[in-house]
């Protein structure tokens, strides 16, 4: 048996962080959501039932948490850092889609959030 497509999802991870262009955002902080879609060949993990044959999503979470703790002005920069680190630390990843959402952004609009989404291919 061959798995023809496989993905790992980490949906709606929540963080309090200090990203933003405005000085108050950098000082007071705000709530953020991060979601990842990791494309990786999971054929071996399906057969072996061994975490060594997959991407450990707990380790992915730690990476995202670490990068969210580093202040940036732009969501694009945050998403790019997370994506670059994930691709570097997990060589099995073939494609990574990352969405970073600033919940309740300070722009005078009634919306759930403002997001940036990047798709990176090895």
PDB file of N, CA and C in Angstrom:
ATOM      1  N   UNK A   1       0.836  -1.178   0.000  1.00  0.00           N
ATOM      2  CA  UNK A   1       0.000   0.000   0.000  1.00  0.00           C
ATOM      3  C   UNK A   1       0.885   1.246   0.000  1.00  0.00           C
ATOM      4  N   UNK A   2       0.481   2.234  -0.778  1.00  0.00           N
ATOM      5  CA  UNK A   2       1.186   3.513  -0.799  1.00  0.00           C
ATOM      6  C   UNK A   2       0.184   4.613  -0.510  1.00  0.00           C
ATOM      7  N   UNK A   3       0.501   5.452   0.430  1.00  0.00           N
ATOM      8  CA  UNK A   3      -0.300   6.637   0.721  1.00  0.00           C
ATOM      9  C   UNK A   3       0.054   7.659  -0.354  1.00  0.00           C
ATOM     10  N   UNK A   4      -0.950   8.172  -1.072  1.00  0.00           N
ATOM     11  CA  UNK A   4      -0.663   9.076  -2.189  1.00  0.00           C
ATOM     12  C   UNK A   4      -0.637  10.547  -1.777  1.00  0.00           C
ATOM     13  N   UNK A   5      -1.266  10.870  -0.672  1.00  0.00           N
ATOM     14  CA  UNK A   5      -1.224  12.239  -0.159  1.00  0.00           C
ATOM     15  C   UNK A   5      -1.456  12.182   1.339  1.00  0.00           C
ATOM     16  N   UNK A   6      -0.700  12.972   2.083  1.00  0.00           N
ATOM     17  CA  UNK A   6      -0.877  12.969   3.528  1.00  0.00           C
ATOM     18  C   UNK A   6      -0.481  14.331   4.090  1.00  0.00           C
ATOM     19  N   UNK A   7      -1.224  14.724   5.124  1.00  0.00           N
ATOM     20  CA  UNK A   7      -1.021  16.022   5.752  1.00  0.00           C
ATOM     21  C   UNK A   7      -1.195  15.895   7.253  1.00  0.00           C
ATOM     22  N   UNK A   8      -0.500  16.759   7.963  1.00  0.00           N
ATOM     23  CA  UNK A   8      -0.686  16.917   9.402  1.00  0.00           C
ATOM     24  C   UNK A   8      -1.223  18.326   9.616  1.00  0.00           C
ATOM     25  N   UNK A   9      -2.269  18.445  10.415  1.00  0.00           N
ATOM     26  CA  UNK A   9      -2.901  19.733  10.686  1.00  0.00           C
ATOM     27  C   UNK A   9      -2.716  20.104  12.156  1.00  0.00           C
ATOM     28  N   UNK A  10      -2.346  21.340  12.398  1.00  0.00           N
ATOM     29  CA  UNK A  10      -2.396  21.928  13.738  1.00  0.00           C
ATOM     30  C   UNK A  10      -3.283  23.159  13.592  1.00  0.00           C
ATOM     31  N   UNK A  11      -4.490  23.067  14.101  1.00  0.00           N
ATOM     32  CA  UNK A  11      -5.501  24.098  13.869  1.00  0.00           C
ATOM     33  C   UNK A  11      -5.683  25.014  15.067  1.00  0.00           C
ATOM     34  N   UNK A  12      -5.693  26.299  14.786  1.00  0.00           N
ATOM     35  CA  UNK A  12      -6.140  27.314  15.738  1.00  0.00           C
ATOM     36  C   UNK A  12      -5.388  27.273  17.067  1.00  0.00           C
ATOM     37  N   UNK A  13      -4.053  27.199  16.983  1.00  0.00           N
ATOM     38  CA  UNK A  13      -3.241  27.298  18.197  1.00  0.00           C
ATOM     39  C   UNK A  13      -3.331  28.746  18.679  1.00  0.00           C
ATOM     40  N   UNK A  14      -3.551  28.949  19.962  1.00  0.00           N
ATOM     41  CA  UNK A  14      -3.762  30.301  20.487  1.00  0.00           C
ATOM     42  C   UNK A  14      -2.560  30.795  21.275  1.00  0.00           C
ATOM     43  N   UNK A  15      -2.236  32.076  21.048  1.00  0.00           N
ATOM     44  CA  UNK A  15      -1.092  32.695  21.716  1.00  0.00           C
ATOM     45  C   UNK A  15      -1.410  34.144  22.066  1.00  0.00           C
ATOM     46  N   UNK A  16      -0.798  34.632  23.114  1.00  0.00           N
ATOM     47  CA  UNK A  16      -0.799  36.059  23.418  1.00  0.00           C
ATOM     48  C   UNK A  16       0.596  36.540  23.040  1.00  0.00           C
ATOM     49  N   UNK A  17       0.674  37.525  22.141  1.00  0.00           N
ATOM     50  CA  UNK A  17       1.980  37.946  21.626  1.00  0.00           C
ATOM     51  C   UNK A  17       1.993  39.453  21.383  1.00  0.00           C
ATOM     52  N   UNK A  18       3.153  39.945  21.023  1.00  0.00           N
ATOM     53  CA  UNK A  18       3.389  41.392  20.916  1.00  0.00           C
ATOM     54  C   UNK A  18       3.808  41.782  19.502  1.00  0.00           C
ATOM     55  N   UNK A  19       2.972  41.470  18.530  1.00  0.00           N
ATOM     56  CA  UNK A  19       3.238  41.802  17.139  1.00  0.00           C
ATOM     57  C   UNK A  19       2.380  42.999  16.743  1.00  0.00           C
ATOM     58  N   UNK A  20       2.915  43.832  15.873  1.00  0.00           N
ATOM     59  CA  UNK A  20       2.113  44.929  15.350  1.00  0.00           C
ATOM     60  C   UNK A  20       2.947  46.124  14.963  1.00  0.00           C
ATOM     61  N   UNK A  21       2.384  46.916  14.077  1.00  0.00           N
ATOM     62  CA  UNK A  21       3.054  48.128  13.610  1.00  0.00           C
ATOM     63  C   UNK A  21       2.908  49.249  14.639  1.00  0.00           C
ATOM     64  N   UNK A  22       1.763  49.294  15.282  1.00  0.00           N
ATOM     65  CA  UNK A  22       1.516  50.367  16.247  1.00  0.00           C
ATOM     66  C   UNK A  22       2.236  50.100  17.570  1.00  0.00           C
ATOM     67  N   UNK A  23       2.741  51.165  18.168  1.00  0.00           N
ATOM     68  CA  UNK A  23       3.493  51.047  19.421  1.00  0.00           C
ATOM     69  C   UNK A  23       2.665  50.366  20.518  1.00  0.00           C
ATOM     70  N   UNK A  24       1.386  50.695  20.596  1.00  0.00           N
ATOM     71  CA  UNK A  24       0.546  50.099  21.631  1.00  0.00           C
ATOM     72  C   UNK A  24       0.432  48.580  21.460  1.00  0.00           C
ATOM     73  N   UNK A  25       0.365  48.100  20.225  1.00  0.00           N
ATOM     74  CA  UNK A  25       0.304  46.652  19.976  1.00  0.00           C
ATOM     75  C   UNK A  25       1.572  45.977  20.494  1.00  0.00           C
ATOM     76  N   UNK A  26       2.696  46.632  20.295  1.00  0.00           N
ATOM     77  CA  UNK A  26       3.975  46.080  20.729  1.00  0.00           C
ATOM     78  C   UNK A  26       4.100  46.095  22.244  1.00  0.00           C
ATOM     79  N   UNK A  27       3.461  47.063  22.894  1.00  0.00           N
ATOM     80  CA  UNK A  27       3.560  47.205  24.350  1.00  0.00           C
ATOM     81  C   UNK A  27       2.502  46.362  25.079  1.00  0.00           C
ATOM     82  N   UNK A  28       1.256  46.423  24.611  1.00  0.00           N
ATOM     83  CA  UNK A  28       0.142  45.754  25.287  1.00  0.00           C
ATOM     84  C   UNK A  28      -0.041  44.319  24.806  1.00  0.00           C
ATOM     85  N   UNK A  29       0.221  44.072  23.528  1.00  0.00           N
ATOM     86  CA  UNK A  29       0.051  42.729  22.971  1.00  0.00           C
ATOM     87  C   UNK A  29      -1.377  42.444  22.579  1.00  0.00           C
ATOM     88  N   UNK A  30      -1.590  41.244  22.097  1.00  0.00           N
ATOM     89  CA  UNK A  30      -2.920  40.834  21.667  1.00  0.00           C
ATOM     90  C   UNK A  30      -2.981  39.336  21.462  1.00  0.00           C
ATOM     91  N   UNK A  31      -4.169  38.876  21.103  1.00  0.00           N
ATOM     92  CA  UNK A  31      -4.399  37.449  20.901  1.00  0.00           C
ATOM     93  C   UNK A  31      -4.229  37.081  19.437  1.00  0.00           C
ATOM     94  N   UNK A  32      -3.627  35.910  19.223  1.00  0.00           N
ATOM     95  CA  UNK A  32      -3.330  35.422  17.883  1.00  0.00           C
ATOM     96  C   UNK A  32      -3.719  33.955  17.767  1.00  0.00           C
ATOM     97  N   UNK A  33      -3.997  33.561  16.541  1.00  0.00           N
ATOM     98  CA  UNK A  33      -4.252  32.169  16.211  1.00  0.00           C
ATOM     99  C   UNK A  33      -3.290  31.764  15.097  1.00  0.00           C
ATOM    100  N   UNK A  34      -2.735  30.564  15.207  1.00  0.00           N
ATOM    101  CA  UNK A  34      -1.834  30.048  14.174  1.00  0.00           C
ATOM    102  C   UNK A  34      -2.316  28.657  13.779  1.00  0.00           C
ATOM    103  N   UNK A  35      -2.396  28.420  12.469  1.00  0.00           N
ATOM    104  CA  UNK A  35      -2.748  27.102  11.948  1.00  0.00           C
ATOM    105  C   UNK A  35      -1.702  26.666  10.937  1.00  0.00           C
ATOM    106  N   UNK A  36      -1.364  25.381  10.970  1.00  0.00           N
ATOM    107  CA  UNK A  36      -0.386  24.808  10.046  1.00  0.00           C
ATOM    108  C   UNK A  36      -0.996  23.628   9.308  1.00  0.00           C
ATOM    109  N   UNK A  37      -0.639  23.508   8.045  1.00  0.00           N
ATOM    110  CA  UNK A  37      -0.884  22.288   7.269  1.00  0.00           C
ATOM    111  C   UNK A  37       0.477  21.837   6.776  1.00  0.00           C
ATOM    112  N   UNK A  38       0.903  20.668   7.208  1.00  0.00           N
ATOM    113  CA  UNK A  38       2.215  20.131   6.868  1.00  0.00           C
ATOM    114  C   UNK A  38       2.014  18.943   5.937  1.00  0.00           C
ATOM    115  N   UNK A  39       2.536  19.064   4.730  1.00  0.00           N
ATOM    116  CA  UNK A  39       2.478  17.941   3.795  1.00  0.00           C
ATOM    117  C   UNK A  39       3.765  17.147   3.929  1.00  0.00           C
ATOM    118  N   UNK A  40       3.589  15.854   4.179  1.00  0.00           N
ATOM    119  CA  UNK A  40       4.719  14.966   4.445  1.00  0.00           C
ATOM    120  C   UNK A  40       4.291  13.545   4.087  1.00  0.00           C
ATOM    121  N   UNK A  41       5.216  12.733   3.624  1.00  0.00           N
ATOM    122  CA  UNK A  41       4.905  11.343   3.298  1.00  0.00           C
ATOM    123  C   UNK A  41       4.763  10.550   4.596  1.00  0.00           C
ATOM    124  N   UNK A  42       3.552  10.102   4.877  1.00  0.00           N
ATOM    125  CA  UNK A  42       3.272   9.359   6.109  1.00  0.00           C
ATOM    126  C   UNK A  42       3.144   7.854   5.883  1.00  0.00           C
ATOM    127  N   UNK A  43       3.548   7.380   4.709  1.00  0.00           N
ATOM    128  CA  UNK A  43       3.423   5.958   4.373  1.00  0.00           C
ATOM    129  C   UNK A  43       4.078   5.070   5.429  1.00  0.00           C
ATOM    130  N   UNK A  44       5.294   5.390   5.817  1.00  0.00           N
ATOM    131  CA  UNK A  44       6.019   4.557   6.779  1.00  0.00           C
ATOM    132  C   UNK A  44       5.346   4.589   8.152  1.00  0.00           C
ATOM    133  N   UNK A  45       4.909   5.757   8.599  1.00  0.00           N
ATOM    134  CA  UNK A  45       4.251   5.870   9.904  1.00  0.00           C
ATOM    135  C   UNK A  45       2.952   5.072   9.952  1.00  0.00           C
ATOM    136  N   UNK A  46       2.243   5.030   8.834  1.00  0.00           N
ATOM    137  CA  UNK A  46       1.004   4.242   8.758  1.00  0.00           C
ATOM    138  C   UNK A  46       1.308   2.772   9.034  1.00  0.00           C
ATOM    139  N   UNK A  47       2.440   2.307   8.552  1.00  0.00           N
ATOM    140  CA  UNK A  47       2.798   0.894   8.700  1.00  0.00           C
ATOM    141  C   UNK A  47       3.462   0.581  10.032  1.00  0.00           C
ATOM    142  N   UNK A  48       4.296   1.490  10.551  1.00  0.00           N
ATOM    143  CA  UNK A  48       5.109   1.168  11.724  1.00  0.00           C
ATOM    144  C   UNK A  48       4.487   1.576  13.060  1.00  0.00           C
ATOM    145  N   UNK A  49       3.581   2.548  13.043  1.00  0.00           N
ATOM    146  CA  UNK A  49       3.000   3.075  14.279  1.00  0.00           C
ATOM    147  C   UNK A  49       4.076   3.660  15.195  1.00  0.00           C
ATOM    148  N   UNK A  50       5.114   4.258  14.573  1.00  0.00           N
ATOM    149  CA  UNK A  50       6.259   4.795  15.308  1.00  0.00           C
ATOM    150  C   UNK A  50       6.356   6.301  15.050  1.00  0.00           C
ATOM    151  N   UNK A  51       6.380   7.089  16.110  1.00  0.00           N
ATOM    152  CA  UNK A  51       6.440   8.546  15.987  1.00  0.00           C
ATOM    153  C   UNK A  51       7.712   9.004  15.262  1.00  0.00           C
ATOM    154  N   UNK A  52       8.742   8.199  15.264  1.00  0.00           N
ATOM    155  CA  UNK A  52       9.980   8.548  14.562  1.00  0.00           C
ATOM    156  C   UNK A  52       9.781   8.592  13.042  1.00  0.00           C
ATOM    157  N   UNK A  53       8.682   8.015  12.559  1.00  0.00           N
ATOM    158  CA  UNK A  53       8.413   7.956  11.119  1.00  0.00           C
ATOM    159  C   UNK A  53       7.426   9.028  10.656  1.00  0.00           C
ATOM    160  N   UNK A  54       7.222  10.028  11.493  1.00  0.00           N
ATOM    161  CA  UNK A  54       6.293  11.104  11.155  1.00  0.00           C
ATOM    162  C   UNK A  54       6.876  12.425  11.648  1.00  0.00           C
ATOM    163  N   UNK A  55       6.075  13.471  11.609  1.00  0.00           N
ATOM    164  CA  UNK A  55       6.439  14.753  12.210  1.00  0.00           C
ATOM    165  C   UNK A  55       5.693  14.820  13.542  1.00  0.00           C
ATOM    166  N   UNK A  56       6.403  14.969  14.617  1.00  0.00           N
ATOM    167  CA  UNK A  56       5.790  15.031  15.938  1.00  0.00           C
ATOM    168  C   UNK A  56       5.098  16.391  16.094  1.00  0.00           C
ATOM    169  N   UNK A  57       3.780  16.389  16.169  1.00  0.00           N
ATOM    170  CA  UNK A  57       3.064  17.670  16.206  1.00  0.00           C
ATOM    171  C   UNK A  57       3.292  18.427  17.510  1.00  0.00           C
ATOM    172  N   UNK A  58       3.674  17.743  18.573  1.00  0.00           N
ATOM    173  CA  UNK A  58       4.026  18.447  19.817  1.00  0.00           C
ATOM    174  C   UNK A  58       5.295  19.270  19.609  1.00  0.00           C
ATOM    175  N   UNK A  59       6.257  18.727  18.857  1.00  0.00           N
ATOM    176  CA  UNK A  59       7.475  19.479  18.548  1.00  0.00           C
ATOM    177  C   UNK A  59       7.179  20.656  17.617  1.00  0.00           C
ATOM    178  N   UNK A  60       6.262  20.475  16.688  1.00  0.00           N
ATOM    179  CA  UNK A  60       5.837  21.592  15.830  1.00  0.00           C
ATOM    180  C   UNK A  60       5.235  22.712  16.668  1.00  0.00           C
ATOM    181  N   UNK A  61       4.400  22.341  17.626  1.00  0.00           N
ATOM    182  CA  UNK A  61       3.781  23.336  18.502  1.00  0.00           C
ATOM    183  C   UNK A  61       4.842  24.135  19.266  1.00  0.00           C
ATOM    184  N   UNK A  62       5.836  23.453  19.802  1.00  0.00           N
ATOM    185  CA  UNK A  62       6.902  24.128  20.547  1.00  0.00           C
ATOM    186  C   UNK A  62       7.617  25.132  19.640  1.00  0.00           C
ATOM    187  N   UNK A  63       7.864  24.759  18.402  1.00  0.00           N
ATOM    188  CA  UNK A  63       8.508  25.656  17.447  1.00  0.00           C
ATOM    189  C   UNK A  63       7.644  26.902  17.214  1.00  0.00           C
ATOM    190  N   UNK A  64       6.351  26.710  16.991  1.00  0.00           N
ATOM    191  CA  UNK A  64       5.449  27.840  16.758  1.00  0.00           C
ATOM    192  C   UNK A  64       5.409  28.734  17.997  1.00  0.00           C
ATOM    193  N   UNK A  65       5.290  28.144  19.162  1.00  0.00           N
ATOM    194  CA  UNK A  65       5.246  28.916  20.407  1.00  0.00           C
ATOM    195  C   UNK A  65       6.514  29.746  20.574  1.00  0.00           C
ATOM    196  N   UNK A  66       7.648  29.158  20.288  1.00  0.00           N
ATOM    197  CA  UNK A  66       8.925  29.864  20.399  1.00  0.00           C
ATOM    198  C   UNK A  66       8.968  31.073  19.459  1.00  0.00           C
ATOM    199  N   UNK A  67       8.540  30.892  18.224  1.00  0.00           N
ATOM    200  CA  UNK A  67       8.585  31.985  17.249  1.00  0.00           C
ATOM    201  C   UNK A  67       7.522  33.053  17.535  1.00  0.00           C
ATOM    202  N   UNK A  68       6.388  32.664  18.076  1.00  0.00           N
ATOM    203  CA  UNK A  68       5.351  33.648  18.426  1.00  0.00           C
ATOM    204  C   UNK A  68       5.811  34.541  19.571  1.00  0.00           C
ATOM    205  N   UNK A  69       6.749  34.077  20.366  1.00  0.00           N
ATOM    206  CA  UNK A  69       7.259  34.868  21.494  1.00  0.00           C
ATOM    207  C   UNK A  69       8.239  35.954  21.058  1.00  0.00           C
ATOM    208  N   UNK A  70       8.673  35.926  19.802  1.00  0.00           N
ATOM    209  CA  UNK A  70       9.601  36.934  19.266  1.00  0.00           C
ATOM    210  C   UNK A  70       8.776  38.018  18.583  1.00  0.00           C
ATOM    211  N   UNK A  71       8.774  39.245  19.105  1.00  0.00           N
ATOM    212  CA  UNK A  71       7.949  40.308  18.519  1.00  0.00           C
ATOM    213  C   UNK A  71       8.359  40.649  17.084  1.00  0.00           C
ATOM    214  N   UNK A  72       7.348  40.895  16.259  1.00  0.00           N
ATOM    215  CA  UNK A  72       7.533  41.358  14.886  1.00  0.00           C
ATOM    216  C   UNK A  72       6.510  42.439  14.604  1.00  0.00           C
ATOM    217  N   UNK A  73       6.812  43.290  13.668  1.00  0.00           N
ATOM    218  CA  UNK A  73       5.847  44.319  13.280  1.00  0.00           C
ATOM    219  C   UNK A  73       4.772  43.741  12.362  1.00  0.00           C
ATOM    220  N   UNK A  74       5.151  42.830  11.462  1.00  0.00           N
ATOM    221  CA  UNK A  74       4.232  42.320  10.451  1.00  0.00           C
ATOM    222  C   UNK A  74       3.903  40.848  10.655  1.00  0.00           C
ATOM    223  N   UNK A  75       2.645  40.498  10.415  1.00  0.00           N
ATOM    224  CA  UNK A  75       2.239  39.089  10.448  1.00  0.00           C
ATOM    225  C   UNK A  75       3.002  38.293   9.388  1.00  0.00           C
ATOM    226  N   UNK A  76       3.290  38.923   8.265  1.00  0.00           N
ATOM    227  CA  UNK A  76       4.053  38.272   7.196  1.00  0.00           C
ATOM    228  C   UNK A  76       5.408  37.795   7.723  1.00  0.00           C
ATOM    229  N   UNK A  77       6.032  38.630   8.538  1.00  0.00           N
ATOM    230  CA  UNK A  77       7.348  38.295   9.096  1.00  0.00           C
ATOM    231  C   UNK A  77       7.234  37.133  10.077  1.00  0.00           C
ATOM    232  N   UNK A  78       6.219  37.171  10.922  1.00  0.00           N
ATOM    233  CA  UNK A  78       5.996  36.088  11.889  1.00  0.00           C
ATOM    234  C   UNK A  78       5.781  34.770  11.149  1.00  0.00           C
ATOM    235  N   UNK A  79       4.872  34.775  10.175  1.00  0.00           N
ATOM    236  CA  UNK A  79       4.571  33.559   9.407  1.00  0.00           C
ATOM    237  C   UNK A  79       5.814  33.049   8.685  1.00  0.00           C
ATOM    238  N   UNK A  80       6.582  33.961   8.108  1.00  0.00           N
ATOM    239  CA  UNK A  80       7.799  33.565   7.401  1.00  0.00           C
ATOM    240  C   UNK A  80       8.826  32.927   8.314  1.00  0.00           C
ATOM    241  N   UNK A  81       8.988  33.498   9.505  1.00  0.00           N
ATOM    242  CA  UNK A  81       9.940  32.915  10.468  1.00  0.00           C
ATOM    243  C   UNK A  81       9.513  31.514  10.878  1.00  0.00           C
ATOM    244  N   UNK A  82       8.232  31.372  11.192  1.00  0.00           N
ATOM    245  CA  UNK A  82       7.729  30.054  11.605  1.00  0.00           C
ATOM    246  C   UNK A  82       7.940  29.040  10.486  1.00  0.00           C
ATOM    247  N   UNK A  83       7.582  29.431   9.270  1.00  0.00           N
ATOM    248  CA  UNK A  83       7.725  28.528   8.127  1.00  0.00           C
ATOM    249  C   UNK A  83       9.174  28.147   7.857  1.00  0.00           C
ATOM    250  N   UNK A  84      10.066  29.122   7.883  1.00  0.00           N
ATOM    251  CA  UNK A  84      11.480  28.838   7.634  1.00  0.00           C
ATOM    252  C   UNK A  84      12.050  27.908   8.698  1.00  0.00           C
ATOM    253  N   UNK A  85      11.708  28.143   9.945  1.00  0.00           N
ATOM    254  CA  UNK A  85      12.208  27.282  11.028  1.00  0.00           C
ATOM    255  C   UNK A  85      11.665  25.861  10.892  1.00  0.00           C
ATOM    256  N   UNK A  86      10.381  25.740  10.583  1.00  0.00           N
ATOM    257  CA  UNK A  86       9.778  24.411  10.444  1.00  0.00           C
ATOM    258  C   UNK A  86      10.418  23.642   9.294  1.00  0.00           C
ATOM    259  N   UNK A  87      10.622  24.303   8.167  1.00  0.00           N
ATOM    260  CA  UNK A  87      11.232  23.629   7.016  1.00  0.00           C
ATOM    261  C   UNK A  87      12.677  23.225   7.327  1.00  0.00           C
ATOM    262  N   UNK A  88      13.373  24.037   8.110  1.00  0.00           N
ATOM    263  CA  UNK A  88      14.760  23.729   8.472  1.00  0.00           C
ATOM    264  C   UNK A  88      14.833  22.585   9.482  1.00  0.00           C
ATOM    265  N   UNK A  89      13.973  22.619  10.504  1.00  0.00           N
ATOM    266  CA  UNK A  89      14.048  21.623  11.588  1.00  0.00           C
ATOM    267  C   UNK A  89      13.428  20.276  11.227  1.00  0.00           C
ATOM    268  N   UNK A  90      12.497  20.273  10.269  1.00  0.00           N
ATOM    269  CA  UNK A  90      11.808  19.031   9.893  1.00  0.00           C
ATOM    270  C   UNK A  90      12.002  18.798   8.403  1.00  0.00           C
ATOM    271  N   UNK A  91      13.084  18.103   8.063  1.00  0.00           N
ATOM    272  CA  UNK A  91      13.456  17.921   6.666  1.00  0.00           C
ATOM    273  C   UNK A  91      12.451  17.078   5.876  1.00  0.00           C
ATOM    274  N   UNK A  92      11.590  16.348   6.547  1.00  0.00           N
ATOM    275  CA  UNK A  92      10.587  15.528   5.859  1.00  0.00           C
ATOM    276  C   UNK A  92       9.458  16.359   5.251  1.00  0.00           C
ATOM    277  N   UNK A  93       9.287  17.571   5.733  1.00  0.00           N
ATOM    278  CA  UNK A  93       8.201  18.421   5.225  1.00  0.00           C
ATOM    279  C   UNK A  93       8.464  18.750   3.760  1.00  0.00           C
ATOM    280  N   UNK A  94       7.464  18.498   2.907  1.00  0.00           N
ATOM    281  CA  UNK A  94       7.581  18.857   1.493  1.00  0.00           C
ATOM    282  C   UNK A  94       6.906  20.195   1.202  1.00  0.00           C
ATOM    283  N   UNK A  95       5.774  20.431   1.850  1.00  0.00           N
ATOM    284  CA  UNK A  95       5.023  21.675   1.677  1.00  0.00           C
ATOM    285  C   UNK A  95       4.454  22.075   3.024  1.00  0.00           C
ATOM    286  N   UNK A  96       4.466  23.373   3.294  1.00  0.00           N
ATOM    287  CA  UNK A  96       3.951  23.889   4.558  1.00  0.00           C
ATOM    288  C   UNK A  96       3.055  25.081   4.266  1.00  0.00           C
ATOM    289  N   UNK A  97       1.849  25.037   4.795  1.00  0.00           N
ATOM    290  CA  UNK A  97       0.945  26.182   4.722  1.00  0.00           C
ATOM    291  C   UNK A  97       0.746  26.681   6.132  1.00  0.00           C
ATOM    292  N   UNK A  98       0.948  27.975   6.327  1.00  0.00           N
ATOM    293  CA  UNK A  98       0.828  28.570   7.655  1.00  0.00           C
ATOM    294  C   UNK A  98      -0.075  29.785   7.573  1.00  0.00           C
ATOM    295  N   UNK A  99      -1.000  29.869   8.528  1.00  0.00           N
ATOM    296  CA  UNK A  99      -1.877  31.031   8.643  1.00  0.00           C
ATOM    297  C   UNK A  99      -1.701  31.623  10.036  1.00  0.00           C
ATOM    298  N   UNK A 100      -1.397  32.913  10.087  1.00  0.00           N
ATOM    299  CA  UNK A 100      -1.286  33.650  11.345  1.00  0.00           C
ATOM    300  C   UNK A 100      -2.398  34.691  11.340  1.00  0.00           C
ATOM    301  N   UNK A 101      -3.220  34.675  12.393  1.00  0.00           N
ATOM    302  CA  UNK A 101      -4.362  35.581  12.491  1.00  0.00           C
ATOM    303  C   UNK A 101      -4.237  36.439  13.739  1.00  0.00           C
ATOM    304  N   UNK A 102      -4.364  37.738  13.550  1.00  0.00           N
ATOM    305  CA  UNK A 102      -4.454  38.665  14.680  1.00  0.00           C
ATOM    306  C   UNK A 102      -5.937  38.775  14.999  1.00  0.00           C
ATOM    307  N   UNK A 103      -6.331  38.274  16.172  1.00  0.00           N
ATOM    308  CA  UNK A 103      -7.735  38.314  16.572  1.00  0.00           C
ATOM    309  C   UNK A 103      -8.085  39.724  17.033  1.00  0.00           C
ATOM    310  N   UNK A 104      -9.232  40.198  16.621  1.00  0.00           N
ATOM    311  CA  UNK A 104      -9.699  41.526  17.004  1.00  0.00           C
ATOM    312  C   UNK A 104      -8.643  42.611  16.738  1.00  0.00           C
ATOM    313  N   UNK A 105      -8.232  42.772  15.483  1.00  0.00           N
ATOM    314  CA  UNK A 105      -7.189  43.763  15.175  1.00  0.00           C
ATOM    315  C   UNK A 105      -7.672  45.193  15.410  1.00  0.00           C
ATOM    316  N   UNK A 106      -6.761  46.077  15.822  1.00  0.00           N
ATOM    317  CA  UNK A 106      -7.146  47.453  16.142  1.00  0.00           C
ATOM    318  C   UNK A 106      -7.277  48.316  14.884  1.00  0.00           C
ATOM    319  N   UNK A 107      -8.347  48.079  14.117  1.00  0.00           N
ATOM    320  CA  UNK A 107      -8.519  48.847  12.889  1.00  0.00           C
ATOM    321  C   UNK A 107      -9.923  49.429  12.768  1.00  0.00           C
ATOM    322  N   UNK A 108     -10.682  49.390  13.860  1.00  0.00           N
ATOM    323  CA  UNK A 108     -12.005  49.992  13.855  1.00  0.00           C
ATOM    324  C   UNK A 108     -13.034  49.239  13.040  1.00  0.00           C
ATOM    325  N   UNK A 109     -12.814  47.957  12.828  1.00  0.00           N
ATOM    326  CA  UNK A 109     -13.755  47.146  12.049  1.00  0.00           C
ATOM    327  C   UNK A 109     -14.278  46.006  12.910  1.00  0.00           C
ATOM    328  N   UNK A 110     -15.492  45.579  12.636  1.00  0.00           N
ATOM    329  CA  UNK A 110     -16.075  44.440  13.331  1.00  0.00           C
ATOM    330  C   UNK A 110     -15.730  43.181  12.540  1.00  0.00           C
ATOM    331  N   UNK A 111     -14.628  42.522  12.919  1.00  0.00           N
ATOM    332  CA  UNK A 111     -14.218  41.292  12.241  1.00  0.00           C
ATOM    333  C   UNK A 111     -13.550  40.370  13.249  1.00  0.00           C
ATOM    334  N   UNK A 112     -13.544  39.082  12.926  1.00  0.00           N
ATOM    335  CA  UNK A 112     -12.924  38.102  13.814  1.00  0.00           C
ATOM    336  C   UNK A 112     -11.414  38.231  13.846  1.00  0.00           C
ATOM    337  N   UNK A 113     -10.832  38.645  12.727  1.00  0.00           N
ATOM    338  CA  UNK A 113      -9.387  38.756  12.704  1.00  0.00           C
ATOM    339  C   UNK A 113      -8.852  39.122  11.337  1.00  0.00           C
ATOM    340  N   UNK A 114      -7.581  39.464  11.321  1.00  0.00           N
ATOM    341  CA  UNK A 114      -6.845  39.738  10.089  1.00  0.00           C
ATOM    342  C   UNK A 114      -5.757  38.678   9.977  1.00  0.00           C
ATOM    343  N   UNK A 115      -5.665  38.046   8.802  1.00  0.00           N
ATOM    344  CA  UNK A 115      -4.760  36.907   8.640  1.00  0.00           C
ATOM    345  C   UNK A 115      -3.795  37.095   7.490  1.00  0.00           C
ATOM    346  N   UNK A 116      -2.682  36.375   7.605  1.00  0.00           N
ATOM    347  CA  UNK A 116      -1.723  36.196   6.527  1.00  0.00           C
ATOM    348  C   UNK A 116      -1.531  34.700   6.373  1.00  0.00           C
ATOM    349  N   UNK A 117      -1.513  34.234   5.133  1.00  0.00           N
ATOM    350  CA  UNK A 117      -1.268  32.824   4.877  1.00  0.00           C
ATOM    351  C   UNK A 117      -0.142  32.683   3.860  1.00  0.00           C
ATOM    352  N   UNK A 118       0.820  31.838   4.203  1.00  0.00           N
ATOM    353  CA  UNK A 118       1.946  31.553   3.311  1.00  0.00           C
ATOM    354  C   UNK A 118       1.976  30.064   3.010  1.00  0.00           C
ATOM    355  N   UNK A 119       2.357  29.723   1.778  1.00  0.00           N
ATOM    356  CA  UNK A 119       2.581  28.332   1.406  1.00  0.00           C
ATOM    357  C   UNK A 119       4.014  28.224   0.938  1.00  0.00           C
ATOM    358  N   UNK A 120       4.772  27.333   1.588  1.00  0.00           N
ATOM    359  CA  UNK A 120       6.194  27.153   1.294  1.00  0.00           C
ATOM    360  C   UNK A 120       6.410  25.731   0.755  1.00  0.00           C
ATOM    361  N   UNK A 121       7.215  25.644  -0.287  1.00  0.00           N
ATOM    362  CA  UNK A 121       7.521  24.342  -0.896  1.00  0.00           C
ATOM    363  C   UNK A 121       9.026  24.127  -0.869  1.00  0.00           C
ATOM    364  N   UNK A 122       9.419  22.931  -0.479  1.00  0.00           N
ATOM    365  CA  UNK A 122      10.851  22.625  -0.423  1.00  0.00           C
ATOM    366  C   UNK A 122      11.395  22.513  -1.831  1.00  0.00           C
TER     367      UNK A 122
END
